[in-house]
Amino acid sequence: MKLTRVLLVSLLMLPIPVWSQEPAAPDGKFVPPGLAPGDQLSVHMYDFPELASGLQVHVGADGSVHLPYAGTIPVAGMSPDQFQHAISESLQAKGIVKDPNVTVDVVTAINLSVNVIGQVATPRVIPIFAPTPLSYVIAQVGGLTGLADHHLSILHHSDQPPTAVELDPDAPSVSAMNTPVQPGDIVVVANRGVYFVGGEVLRPGIYPLGGALSVGQASPVSGEGVVKDITLMEALTQAGGVTSIAKRSKLYLLRTVDGKREEILLDQVKLSKGEIADPILHPNDIIYLQPSYLRQQTNNIFGTALSGLYAATTLREANF
């Protein structure tokens, strides 16, 4: 939301003391954007019993707030402290209260908060009134999940280009943790991606590249102990291993490259023996093991033989 500056002219024309903004900061110094239309505030005016418990107010479309006794006060661009001081000055100028006791609490403020979305424990809006370290912001939302990518993006309120941050929870750097997040920013924590396992495995499903359990058996995931990369053999282990009738010599890895599907044929036996390289999985890879017809028929014959043997034993015992 763009800052409202037209109100500065009307502020200079008021008969009561002026609540203008502080002079613009030198180039390169961050200036908090302040209150804006739509923000919700709780104003406590302790000199008036009916207002001591707090009055819920919204900043109007014109950037002002109307209060009992104090009147209409332009607040666009002000900090909560400046608004609080403006209320006190208005009450003094009108001769209502000599030494006002006023506090202002921010309930919601688009320019005085940071929105954290994506793969964090509790995505939400966090109130901040000044540049704040990224580590504090991430801690307020419960940390990263096991599905979180290490590449974070900070979208700024101003026209400043987004800031890219490489934040590895296993080996965090001081510079990354201290990356400043400004009021009005949006912190985006992307998903690391998933892979798919199907066919003759014990637990087919969709798995995160972070190494958590698959769909159907997933549990809450924290950011601790996740693997940075996962190989094909590790993925098969996550899926419980292959079944007894899997055609292990024909393991298919389907991968999308530049919009085209590529089919990579591998030998799971050679993979398990380390005779060929174990490939690292990419997001949206598909692993598929087809059944072996010969093993399937062998299992059927063996199963039928066991059933016949059990039936014969049961009849023999019944005759006795």
C-alpha atoms as a PDB file:
ATOM      1  CA  MET A   1       0.000   0.000   0.000  1.00  0.00           C
ATOM      2  CA  LYS A   2       1.464   3.366  -1.027  1.00  0.00           C
ATOM      3  CA  LEU A   3       1.988   5.966   1.673  1.00  0.00           C
ATOM      4  CA  THR A   4      -0.544   8.783   1.910  1.00  0.00           C
ATOM      5  CA  ARG A   5       1.278  12.100   1.669  1.00  0.00           C
ATOM      6  CA  VAL A   6      -1.494  14.467   0.586  1.00  0.00           C
ATOM      7  CA  LEU A   7      -2.519  14.872   4.235  1.00  0.00           C
ATOM      8  CA  LEU A   8       0.669  16.765   5.054  1.00  0.00           C
ATOM      9  CA  VAL A   9      -0.861  19.942   3.588  1.00  0.00           C
ATOM     10  CA  SER A  10      -3.960  19.696   5.773  1.00  0.00           C
ATOM     11  CA  LEU A  11      -1.820  19.062   8.839  1.00  0.00           C
ATOM     12  CA  LEU A  12      -0.085  22.417   8.412  1.00  0.00           C
ATOM     13  CA  MET A  13      -3.458  24.203   8.342  1.00  0.00           C
ATOM     14  CA  LEU A  14      -4.751  22.858  11.665  1.00  0.00           C
ATOM     15  CA  PRO A  15      -5.268  25.392  14.507  1.00  0.00           C
ATOM     16  CA  ILE A  16      -3.823  22.961  17.043  1.00  0.00           C
ATOM     17  CA  PRO A  17      -0.153  21.927  17.219  1.00  0.00           C
ATOM     18  CA  VAL A  18       1.044  20.116  14.129  1.00  0.00           C
ATOM     19  CA  TRP A  19       1.713  16.355  14.148  1.00  0.00           C
ATOM     20  CA  SER A  20       3.837  16.293  11.038  1.00  0.00           C
ATOM     21  CA  GLN A  21       6.281  13.604  10.078  1.00  0.00           C
ATOM     22  CA  GLU A  22       9.934  13.780  10.942  1.00  0.00           C
ATOM     23  CA  PRO A  23      12.197  15.044   8.162  1.00  0.00           C
ATOM     24  CA  ALA A  24      13.072  12.509   5.534  1.00  0.00           C
ATOM     25  CA  ALA A  25      16.070  10.401   6.429  1.00  0.00           C
ATOM     26  CA  PRO A  26      19.284  10.624   4.401  1.00  0.00           C
ATOM     27  CA  ASP A  27      19.574   8.390   1.394  1.00  0.00           C
ATOM     28  CA  GLY A  28      20.237   4.769   2.308  1.00  0.00           C
ATOM     29  CA  LYS A  29      18.641   4.998   5.774  1.00  0.00           C
ATOM     30  CA  PHE A  30      15.433   3.049   6.297  1.00  0.00           C
ATOM     31  CA  VAL A  31      12.358   5.016   7.406  1.00  0.00           C
ATOM     32  CA  PRO A  32       9.462   2.935   8.827  1.00  0.00           C
ATOM     33  CA  PRO A  33       6.389   3.443   6.593  1.00  0.00           C
ATOM     34  CA  GLY A  34       4.013   4.003   9.522  1.00  0.00           C
ATOM     35  CA  LEU A  35       0.230   3.739   9.861  1.00  0.00           C
ATOM     36  CA  ALA A  36      -2.004   3.465   6.798  1.00  0.00           C
ATOM     37  CA  PRO A  37      -5.729   3.282   5.927  1.00  0.00           C
ATOM     38  CA  GLY A  38      -7.334   0.074   7.197  1.00  0.00           C
ATOM     39  CA  ASP A  39      -5.022  -0.376  10.182  1.00  0.00           C
ATOM     40  CA  GLN A  40      -6.748  -1.302  13.450  1.00  0.00           C
ATOM     41  CA  LEU A  41      -5.601   0.253  16.725  1.00  0.00           C
ATOM     42  CA  SER A  42      -6.530   0.078  20.387  1.00  0.00           C
ATOM     43  CA  VAL A  43      -6.401   3.499  22.065  1.00  0.00           C
ATOM     44  CA  HIS A  44      -6.425   3.772  25.864  1.00  0.00           C
ATOM     45  CA  MET A  45      -7.281   7.229  27.262  1.00  0.00           C
ATOM     46  CA  TYR A  46      -6.926   6.697  31.008  1.00  0.00           C
ATOM     47  CA  ASP A  47      -8.154  10.158  31.976  1.00  0.00           C
ATOM     48  CA  PHE A  48     -11.639   9.137  30.829  1.00  0.00           C
ATOM     49  CA  PRO A  49     -13.116   6.119  32.689  1.00  0.00           C
ATOM     50  CA  GLU A  50     -15.229   5.009  29.702  1.00  0.00           C
ATOM     51  CA  LEU A  51     -12.114   4.903  27.476  1.00  0.00           C
ATOM     52  CA  ALA A  52      -9.572   3.497  29.925  1.00  0.00           C
ATOM     53  CA  SER A  53     -10.181  -0.122  28.903  1.00  0.00           C
ATOM     54  CA  GLY A  54      -9.422   0.665  25.270  1.00  0.00           C
ATOM     55  CA  LEU A  55     -11.228   1.975  22.224  1.00  0.00           C
ATOM     56  CA  GLN A  56     -10.935   0.012  18.965  1.00  0.00           C
ATOM     57  CA  VAL A  57     -10.445   2.361  16.020  1.00  0.00           C
ATOM     58  CA  HIS A  58      -9.587   2.021  12.331  1.00  0.00           C
ATOM     59  CA  VAL A  59      -7.533   4.346  10.203  1.00  0.00           C
ATOM     60  CA  GLY A  60      -9.960   5.774   7.674  1.00  0.00           C
ATOM     61  CA  ALA A  61      -9.555   5.916   3.921  1.00  0.00           C
ATOM     62  CA  ASP A  62      -8.364   9.517   4.271  1.00  0.00           C
ATOM     63  CA  GLY A  63      -5.628   8.431   6.681  1.00  0.00           C
ATOM     64  CA  SER A  64      -7.222   9.875   9.812  1.00  0.00           C
ATOM     65  CA  VAL A  65      -8.680   8.594  13.090  1.00  0.00           C
ATOM     66  CA  HIS A  66     -11.545  10.216  14.976  1.00  0.00           C
ATOM     67  CA  LEU A  67     -11.433   9.987  18.766  1.00  0.00           C
ATOM     68  CA  PRO A  68     -13.745  11.278  21.502  1.00  0.00           C
ATOM     69  CA  TYR A  69     -12.432  14.490  23.088  1.00  0.00           C
ATOM     70  CA  ALA A  70      -9.280  14.537  20.897  1.00  0.00           C
ATOM     71  CA  GLY A  71     -11.157  14.935  17.609  1.00  0.00           C
ATOM     72  CA  THR A  72      -9.966  13.922  14.153  1.00  0.00           C
ATOM     73  CA  ILE A  73      -6.224  13.287  13.880  1.00  0.00           C
ATOM     74  CA  PRO A  74      -4.371  12.601  10.606  1.00  0.00           C
ATOM     75  CA  VAL A  75      -2.158   9.583  11.305  1.00  0.00           C
ATOM     76  CA  ALA A  76      -1.023   8.321   7.884  1.00  0.00           C
ATOM     77  CA  GLY A  77       2.699   7.651   8.018  1.00  0.00           C
ATOM     78  CA  MET A  78       2.911   8.091  11.794  1.00  0.00           C
ATOM     79  CA  SER A  79       4.409   5.529  14.138  1.00  0.00           C
ATOM     80  CA  PRO A  80       2.242   4.342  17.075  1.00  0.00           C
ATOM     81  CA  ASP A  81       4.336   6.510  19.406  1.00  0.00           C
ATOM     82  CA  GLN A  82       3.810   9.569  17.215  1.00  0.00           C
ATOM     83  CA  PHE A  83       0.063   8.933  17.163  1.00  0.00           C
ATOM     84  CA  GLN A  84       0.068   8.580  20.941  1.00  0.00           C
ATOM     85  CA  HIS A  85       1.898  11.919  21.253  1.00  0.00           C
ATOM     86  CA  ALA A  86      -0.539  13.540  18.806  1.00  0.00           C
ATOM     87  CA  ILE A  87      -3.527  12.520  20.955  1.00  0.00           C
ATOM     88  CA  SER A  88      -1.888  14.013  24.033  1.00  0.00           C
ATOM     89  CA  GLU A  89      -1.103  17.260  22.200  1.00  0.00           C
ATOM     90  CA  SER A  90      -4.695  17.537  20.975  1.00  0.00           C
ATOM     91  CA  LEU A  91      -6.130  17.076  24.479  1.00  0.00           C
ATOM     92  CA  GLN A  92      -3.703  19.671  25.854  1.00  0.00           C
ATOM     93  CA  ALA A  93      -4.373  22.159  23.045  1.00  0.00           C
ATOM     94  CA  LYS A  94      -8.114  21.943  23.657  1.00  0.00           C
ATOM     95  CA  GLY A  95      -7.619  22.461  27.381  1.00  0.00           C
ATOM     96  CA  ILE A  96      -9.324  19.167  28.240  1.00  0.00           C
ATOM     97  CA  VAL A  97      -6.453  17.454  30.070  1.00  0.00           C
ATOM     98  CA  LYS A  98      -3.285  19.122  31.305  1.00  0.00           C
ATOM     99  CA  ASP A  99      -1.112  16.014  31.446  1.00  0.00           C
ATOM    100  CA  PRO A 100      -2.839  13.244  29.377  1.00  0.00           C
ATOM    101  CA  ASN A 101      -2.197   9.566  30.013  1.00  0.00           C
ATOM    102  CA  VAL A 102      -2.598   7.821  26.642  1.00  0.00           C
ATOM    103  CA  THR A 103      -1.316   4.604  25.091  1.00  0.00           C
ATOM    104  CA  VAL A 104      -1.764   3.189  21.572  1.00  0.00           C
ATOM    105  CA  ASP A 105      -1.532  -0.533  20.757  1.00  0.00           C
ATOM    106  CA  VAL A 106      -1.428  -1.893  17.233  1.00  0.00           C
ATOM    107  CA  VAL A 107      -3.959  -4.654  16.538  1.00  0.00           C
ATOM    108  CA  THR A 108      -3.283  -4.993  12.816  1.00  0.00           C
ATOM    109  CA  ALA A 109      -1.185  -2.754  10.588  1.00  0.00           C
ATOM    110  CA  ILE A 110      -0.127  -3.640   7.066  1.00  0.00           C
ATOM    111  CA  ASN A 111       2.917  -1.364   7.186  1.00  0.00           C
ATOM    112  CA  LEU A 112       3.893  -2.227  10.752  1.00  0.00           C
ATOM    113  CA  SER A 113       4.033  -5.972  10.391  1.00  0.00           C
ATOM    114  CA  VAL A 114       5.731  -8.698   8.397  1.00  0.00           C
ATOM    115  CA  ASN A 115       3.813 -11.528   6.738  1.00  0.00           C
ATOM    116  CA  VAL A 116       5.565 -14.916   6.866  1.00  0.00           C
ATOM    117  CA  ILE A 117       4.182 -17.516   4.449  1.00  0.00           C
ATOM    118  CA  GLY A 118       5.205 -20.925   3.168  1.00  0.00           C
ATOM    119  CA  GLN A 119       7.033 -23.731   4.939  1.00  0.00           C
ATOM    120  CA  VAL A 120       7.134 -22.489   8.528  1.00  0.00           C
ATOM    121  CA  ALA A 121       5.473 -24.037  11.565  1.00  0.00           C
ATOM    122  CA  THR A 122       2.786 -21.345  11.957  1.00  0.00           C
ATOM    123  CA  PRO A 123       2.527 -18.973   8.970  1.00  0.00           C
ATOM    124  CA  ARG A 124       1.124 -15.652  10.185  1.00  0.00           C
ATOM    125  CA  VAL A 125       1.489 -11.893  10.401  1.00  0.00           C
ATOM    126  CA  ILE A 126       3.981 -10.617  13.007  1.00  0.00           C
ATOM    127  CA  PRO A 127       3.882  -7.023  14.270  1.00  0.00           C
ATOM    128  CA  ILE A 128       7.203  -5.193  13.996  1.00  0.00           C
ATOM    129  CA  PHE A 129       7.808  -1.454  14.225  1.00  0.00           C
ATOM    130  CA  ALA A 130      11.420  -1.237  13.045  1.00  0.00           C
ATOM    131  CA  PRO A 131      13.926  -3.267  11.007  1.00  0.00           C
ATOM    132  CA  THR A 132      14.190  -6.679  12.672  1.00  0.00           C
ATOM    133  CA  PRO A 133      16.654  -9.592  12.204  1.00  0.00           C
ATOM    134  CA  LEU A 134      15.370 -12.491  10.105  1.00  0.00           C
ATOM    135  CA  SER A 135      16.222 -14.905  12.942  1.00  0.00           C
ATOM    136  CA  TYR A 136      13.690 -13.174  15.219  1.00  0.00           C
ATOM    137  CA  VAL A 137      10.979 -13.292  12.552  1.00  0.00           C
ATOM    138  CA  ILE A 138      11.542 -17.005  11.855  1.00  0.00           C
ATOM    139  CA  ALA A 139      11.522 -17.776  15.597  1.00  0.00           C
ATOM    140  CA  GLN A 140       8.143 -16.047  16.004  1.00  0.00           C
ATOM    141  CA  VAL A 141       6.544 -18.477  13.520  1.00  0.00           C
ATOM    142  CA  GLY A 142       8.025 -21.585  15.127  1.00  0.00           C
ATOM    143  CA  GLY A 143      10.949 -22.131  12.763  1.00  0.00           C
ATOM    144  CA  LEU A 144      11.201 -23.847   9.393  1.00  0.00           C
ATOM    145  CA  THR A 145       9.534 -27.172   8.599  1.00  0.00           C
ATOM    146  CA  GLY A 146      11.328 -30.178   7.181  1.00  0.00           C
ATOM    147  CA  LEU A 147       9.866 -29.275   3.783  1.00  0.00           C
ATOM    148  CA  ALA A 148      11.420 -25.803   3.731  1.00  0.00           C
ATOM    149  CA  ASP A 149      13.841 -24.789   1.031  1.00  0.00           C
ATOM    150  CA  HIS A 150      17.018 -23.085   2.215  1.00  0.00           C
ATOM    151  CA  HIS A 151      16.446 -20.281  -0.294  1.00  0.00           C
ATOM    152  CA  LEU A 152      14.240 -17.634   1.349  1.00  0.00           C
ATOM    153  CA  SER A 153      12.868 -14.539  -0.382  1.00  0.00           C
ATOM    154  CA  ILE A 154      12.019 -11.231   1.289  1.00  0.00           C
ATOM    155  CA  LEU A 155       9.589  -9.106  -0.724  1.00  0.00           C
ATOM    156  CA  HIS A 156       9.850  -5.489   0.321  1.00  0.00           C
ATOM    157  CA  HIS A 157       7.118  -2.929   0.896  1.00  0.00           C
ATOM    158  CA  SER A 158       8.997  -0.389  -1.185  1.00  0.00           C
ATOM    159  CA  ASP A 159      10.200  -0.599  -4.782  1.00  0.00           C
ATOM    160  CA  GLN A 160      13.403  -2.249  -3.564  1.00  0.00           C
ATOM    161  CA  PRO A 161      14.153  -5.558  -5.352  1.00  0.00           C
ATOM    162  CA  PRO A 162      13.477  -8.747  -3.353  1.00  0.00           C
ATOM    163  CA  THR A 163      16.240  -9.969  -1.067  1.00  0.00           C
ATOM    164  CA  ALA A 164      17.389 -13.586  -1.499  1.00  0.00           C
ATOM    165  CA  VAL A 165      18.715 -15.291   1.632  1.00  0.00           C
ATOM    166  CA  GLU A 166      20.455 -18.662   1.902  1.00  0.00           C
ATOM    167  CA  LEU A 167      19.437 -19.937   5.350  1.00  0.00           C
ATOM    168  CA  ASP A 168      20.650 -23.416   6.266  1.00  0.00           C
ATOM    169  CA  PRO A 169      19.183 -24.459   9.656  1.00  0.00           C
ATOM    170  CA  ASP A 170      21.976 -27.011  10.112  1.00  0.00           C
ATOM    171  CA  ALA A 171      24.753 -24.463   9.539  1.00  0.00           C
ATOM    172  CA  PRO A 172      23.312 -20.944   9.835  1.00  0.00           C
ATOM    173  CA  SER A 173      25.548 -17.977   9.098  1.00  0.00           C
ATOM    174  CA  VAL A 174      25.528 -14.807  11.184  1.00  0.00           C
ATOM    175  CA  SER A 175      24.965 -12.632   8.128  1.00  0.00           C
ATOM    176  CA  ALA A 176      21.933 -14.671   7.034  1.00  0.00           C
ATOM    177  CA  MET A 177      20.401 -14.719  10.514  1.00  0.00           C
ATOM    178  CA  ASN A 178      20.861 -10.951  10.839  1.00  0.00           C
ATOM    179  CA  THR A 179      19.322 -10.100   7.464  1.00  0.00           C
ATOM    180  CA  PRO A 180      17.063  -7.097   8.203  1.00  0.00           C
ATOM    181  CA  VAL A 181      13.328  -7.528   7.707  1.00  0.00           C
ATOM    182  CA  GLN A 182      11.444  -4.251   7.445  1.00  0.00           C
ATOM    183  CA  PRO A 183       7.840  -3.432   8.399  1.00  0.00           C
ATOM    184  CA  GLY A 184       5.574  -4.210   5.469  1.00  0.00           C
ATOM    185  CA  ASP A 185       7.830  -6.965   4.096  1.00  0.00           C
ATOM    186  CA  ILE A 186       6.695 -10.464   3.125  1.00  0.00           C
ATOM    187  CA  VAL A 187       8.978 -13.410   3.940  1.00  0.00           C
ATOM    188  CA  VAL A 188       8.432 -16.361   1.603  1.00  0.00           C
ATOM    189  CA  VAL A 189       9.766 -19.809   2.547  1.00  0.00           C
ATOM    190  CA  ALA A 190       9.416 -22.074  -0.474  1.00  0.00           C
ATOM    191  CA  ASN A 191       8.803 -25.830  -0.553  1.00  0.00           C
ATOM    192  CA  ARG A 192      11.809 -28.043  -1.290  1.00  0.00           C
ATOM    193  CA  GLY A 193       9.687 -30.209  -3.573  1.00  0.00           C
ATOM    194  CA  VAL A 194       8.487 -33.811  -3.548  1.00  0.00           C
ATOM    195  CA  TYR A 195       9.118 -37.073  -5.381  1.00  0.00           C
ATOM    196  CA  PHE A 196       6.784 -39.947  -6.200  1.00  0.00           C
ATOM    197  CA  VAL A 197       7.364 -43.671  -5.609  1.00  0.00           C
ATOM    198  CA  GLY A 198       5.080 -46.248  -7.201  1.00  0.00           C
ATOM    199  CA  GLY A 199       4.935 -49.848  -8.279  1.00  0.00           C
ATOM    200  CA  GLU A 200       6.516 -52.708  -6.359  1.00  0.00           C
ATOM    201  CA  VAL A 201       7.567 -50.968  -3.146  1.00  0.00           C
ATOM    202  CA  LEU A 202       6.132 -51.574   0.305  1.00  0.00           C
ATOM    203  CA  ARG A 203       4.979 -47.966   0.891  1.00  0.00           C
ATOM    204  CA  PRO A 204       4.185 -46.232  -2.404  1.00  0.00           C
ATOM    205  CA  GLY A 205       3.353 -42.555  -2.030  1.00  0.00           C
ATOM    206  CA  ILE A 206       4.434 -38.936  -2.256  1.00  0.00           C
ATOM    207  CA  TYR A 207       7.542 -38.024  -0.277  1.00  0.00           C
ATOM    208  CA  PRO A 208       9.192 -34.677   0.483  1.00  0.00           C
ATOM    209  CA  LEU A 209      12.773 -34.189  -0.605  1.00  0.00           C
ATOM    210  CA  GLY A 210      13.485 -33.254   3.003  1.00  0.00           C
ATOM    211  CA  GLY A 211      13.233 -36.936   3.938  1.00  0.00           C
ATOM    212  CA  ALA A 212      10.015 -37.057   6.016  1.00  0.00           C
ATOM    213  CA  LEU A 213       7.457 -39.865   5.999  1.00  0.00           C
ATOM    214  CA  SER A 214       5.138 -40.257   3.037  1.00  0.00           C
ATOM    215  CA  VAL A 215       1.518 -39.277   2.605  1.00  0.00           C
ATOM    216  CA  GLY A 216      -0.676 -41.528   4.728  1.00  0.00           C
ATOM    217  CA  GLN A 217       1.987 -41.931   7.399  1.00  0.00           C
ATOM    218  CA  ALA A 218       3.201 -38.362   7.741  1.00  0.00           C
ATOM    219  CA  SER A 219       3.719 -36.811  11.150  1.00  0.00           C
ATOM    220  CA  PRO A 220       4.543 -33.222  12.144  1.00  0.00           C
ATOM    221  CA  VAL A 221       7.955 -32.355  10.751  1.00  0.00           C
ATOM    222  CA  SER A 222      10.479 -30.024  12.313  1.00  0.00           C
ATOM    223  CA  GLY A 223      13.458 -28.480  10.609  1.00  0.00           C
ATOM    224  CA  GLU A 224      15.926 -30.563  12.618  1.00  0.00           C
ATOM    225  CA  GLY A 225      17.993 -33.312  11.052  1.00  0.00           C
ATOM    226  CA  VAL A 226      16.598 -33.091   7.525  1.00  0.00           C
ATOM    227  CA  VAL A 227      18.797 -34.270   4.673  1.00  0.00           C
ATOM    228  CA  LYS A 228      19.874 -31.706   2.116  1.00  0.00           C
ATOM    229  CA  ASP A 229      19.835 -34.140  -0.828  1.00  0.00           C
ATOM    230  CA  ILE A 230      18.278 -37.558  -1.188  1.00  0.00           C
ATOM    231  CA  THR A 231      19.450 -40.285  -3.535  1.00  0.00           C
ATOM    232  CA  LEU A 232      17.421 -42.914  -5.368  1.00  0.00           C
ATOM    233  CA  MET A 233      18.426 -45.722  -2.988  1.00  0.00           C
ATOM    234  CA  GLU A 234      17.579 -43.540   0.025  1.00  0.00           C
ATOM    235  CA  ALA A 235      14.192 -42.846  -1.544  1.00  0.00           C
ATOM    236  CA  LEU A 236      13.519 -46.573  -1.925  1.00  0.00           C
ATOM    237  CA  THR A 237      14.427 -47.021   1.745  1.00  0.00           C
ATOM    238  CA  GLN A 238      11.944 -44.290   2.670  1.00  0.00           C
ATOM    239  CA  ALA A 239       9.322 -46.253   0.721  1.00  0.00           C
ATOM    240  CA  GLY A 240      10.020 -49.395   2.774  1.00  0.00           C
ATOM    241  CA  GLY A 241      12.118 -51.171   0.154  1.00  0.00           C
ATOM    242  CA  VAL A 242      11.087 -53.252  -2.832  1.00  0.00           C
ATOM    243  CA  THR A 243       8.623 -56.168  -2.771  1.00  0.00           C
ATOM    244  CA  SER A 244       9.528 -59.788  -3.381  1.00  0.00           C
ATOM    245  CA  ILE A 245       8.084 -59.724  -6.922  1.00  0.00           C
ATOM    246  CA  ALA A 246       9.761 -56.474  -8.050  1.00  0.00           C
ATOM    247  CA  LYS A 247      11.688 -56.606 -11.318  1.00  0.00           C
ATOM    248  CA  ARG A 248      14.833 -55.149  -9.796  1.00  0.00           C
ATOM    249  CA  SER A 249      16.755 -55.069 -13.057  1.00  0.00           C
ATOM    250  CA  LYS A 250      14.342 -52.504 -14.488  1.00  0.00           C
ATOM    251  CA  LEU A 251      13.946 -49.507 -12.213  1.00  0.00           C
ATOM    252  CA  TYR A 252      12.462 -46.481 -13.969  1.00  0.00           C
ATOM    253  CA  LEU A 253      13.269 -42.904 -12.991  1.00  0.00           C
ATOM    254  CA  LEU A 254      11.002 -40.444 -14.792  1.00  0.00           C
ATOM    255  CA  ARG A 255      12.233 -36.839 -14.780  1.00  0.00           C
ATOM    256  CA  THR A 256      10.977 -33.635 -16.399  1.00  0.00           C
ATOM    257  CA  VAL A 257      13.741 -31.604 -18.052  1.00  0.00           C
ATOM    258  CA  ASP A 258      12.893 -28.366 -19.886  1.00  0.00           C
ATOM    259  CA  GLY A 259       9.247 -29.371 -20.018  1.00  0.00           C
ATOM    260  CA  LYS A 260       9.955 -32.811 -21.512  1.00  0.00           C
ATOM    261  CA  ARG A 261       9.654 -36.149 -19.737  1.00  0.00           C
ATOM    262  CA  GLU A 262      12.836 -38.237 -19.698  1.00  0.00           C
ATOM    263  CA  GLU A 263      12.887 -41.955 -18.886  1.00  0.00           C
ATOM    264  CA  ILE A 264      16.024 -43.234 -17.133  1.00  0.00           C
ATOM    265  CA  LEU A 265      16.363 -47.023 -16.837  1.00  0.00           C
ATOM    266  CA  LEU A 266      18.475 -48.292 -13.921  1.00  0.00           C
ATOM    267  CA  ASP A 267      19.358 -51.639 -12.339  1.00  0.00           C
ATOM    268  CA  GLN A 268      18.418 -51.668  -8.650  1.00  0.00           C
ATOM    269  CA  VAL A 269      20.667 -54.679  -7.992  1.00  0.00           C
ATOM    270  CA  LYS A 270      23.722 -52.825  -9.321  1.00  0.00           C
ATOM    271  CA  LEU A 271      22.664 -49.723  -7.408  1.00  0.00           C
ATOM    272  CA  SER A 272      22.499 -51.647  -4.135  1.00  0.00           C
ATOM    273  CA  LYS A 273      25.970 -53.133  -4.781  1.00  0.00           C
ATOM    274  CA  GLY A 274      27.431 -49.730  -5.586  1.00  0.00           C
ATOM    275  CA  GLU A 275      28.379 -50.805  -9.109  1.00  0.00           C
ATOM    276  CA  ILE A 276      26.696 -47.733 -10.616  1.00  0.00           C
ATOM    277  CA  ALA A 277      26.270 -44.203  -9.304  1.00  0.00           C
ATOM    278  CA  ASP A 278      23.292 -43.521  -7.041  1.00  0.00           C
ATOM    279  CA  PRO A 279      21.567 -40.469  -8.609  1.00  0.00           C
ATOM    280  CA  ILE A 280      20.357 -37.529  -6.528  1.00  0.00           C
ATOM    281  CA  LEU A 281      16.642 -36.931  -6.929  1.00  0.00           C
ATOM    282  CA  HIS A 282      15.145 -33.754  -8.365  1.00  0.00           C
ATOM    283  CA  PRO A 283      11.797 -32.222  -7.432  1.00  0.00           C
ATOM    284  CA  ASN A 284       8.848 -34.101  -9.008  1.00  0.00           C
ATOM    285  CA  ASP A 285      10.905 -37.160  -9.953  1.00  0.00           C
ATOM    286  CA  ILE A 286       8.892 -40.381 -10.330  1.00  0.00           C
ATOM    287  CA  ILE A 287      10.350 -43.745  -9.286  1.00  0.00           C
ATOM    288  CA  TYR A 288       8.613 -46.833 -10.618  1.00  0.00           C
ATOM    289  CA  LEU A 289       9.370 -50.539 -10.193  1.00  0.00           C
ATOM    290  CA  GLN A 290       7.318 -52.915 -12.317  1.00  0.00           C
ATOM    291  CA  PRO A 291       6.530 -56.477 -11.185  1.00  0.00           C
ATOM    292  CA  SER A 292       8.479 -59.451 -12.504  1.00  0.00           C
ATOM    293  CA  TYR A 293       6.171 -61.913 -14.274  1.00  0.00           C
ATOM    294  CA  LEU A 294       8.434 -64.860 -13.437  1.00  0.00           C
ATOM    295  CA  ARG A 295       8.640 -63.947  -9.743  1.00  0.00           C
ATOM    296  CA  GLN A 296       4.923 -63.320  -9.642  1.00  0.00           C
ATOM    297  CA  GLN A 297       4.164 -66.776 -11.088  1.00  0.00           C
ATOM    298  CA  THR A 298       6.689 -68.413  -8.766  1.00  0.00           C
ATOM    299  CA  ASN A 299       5.061 -66.755  -5.780  1.00  0.00           C
ATOM    300  CA  ASN A 300       1.629 -67.912  -6.999  1.00  0.00           C
ATOM    301  CA  ILE A 301       2.805 -71.516  -7.389  1.00  0.00           C
ATOM    302  CA  PHE A 302       4.495 -71.431  -3.982  1.00  0.00           C
ATOM    303  CA  GLY A 303       1.385 -69.922  -2.409  1.00  0.00           C
ATOM    304  CA  THR A 304      -0.840 -72.574  -3.997  1.00  0.00           C
ATOM    305  CA  ALA A 305       1.485 -75.358  -2.797  1.00  0.00           C
ATOM    306  CA  LEU A 306       1.405 -74.007   0.755  1.00  0.00           C
ATOM    307  CA  SER A 307      -2.377 -73.813   0.665  1.00  0.00           C
ATOM    308  CA  GLY A 308      -2.618 -77.423  -0.595  1.00  0.00           C
ATOM    309  CA  LEU A 309      -0.189 -78.651   2.062  1.00  0.00           C
ATOM    310  CA  TYR A 310      -2.167 -76.888   4.791  1.00  0.00           C
ATOM    311  CA  ALA A 311      -5.451 -78.401   3.516  1.00  0.00           C
ATOM    312  CA  ALA A 312      -3.996 -81.929   3.382  1.00  0.00           C
ATOM    313  CA  THR A 313      -2.605 -81.612   6.908  1.00  0.00           C
ATOM    314  CA  THR A 314      -5.949 -80.402   8.200  1.00  0.00           C
ATOM    315  CA  LEU A 315      -7.822 -83.335   6.591  1.00  0.00           C
ATOM    316  CA  ARG A 316      -5.336 -85.854   7.981  1.00  0.00           C
ATOM    317  CA  GLU A 317      -5.742 -84.514  11.483  1.00  0.00           C
ATOM    318  CA  ALA A 318      -9.528 -84.579  11.080  1.00  0.00           C
ATOM    319  CA  ASN A 319      -9.475 -88.305  10.156  1.00  0.00           C
ATOM    320  CA  PHE A 320      -7.659 -89.112  13.324  1.00  0.00           C
END
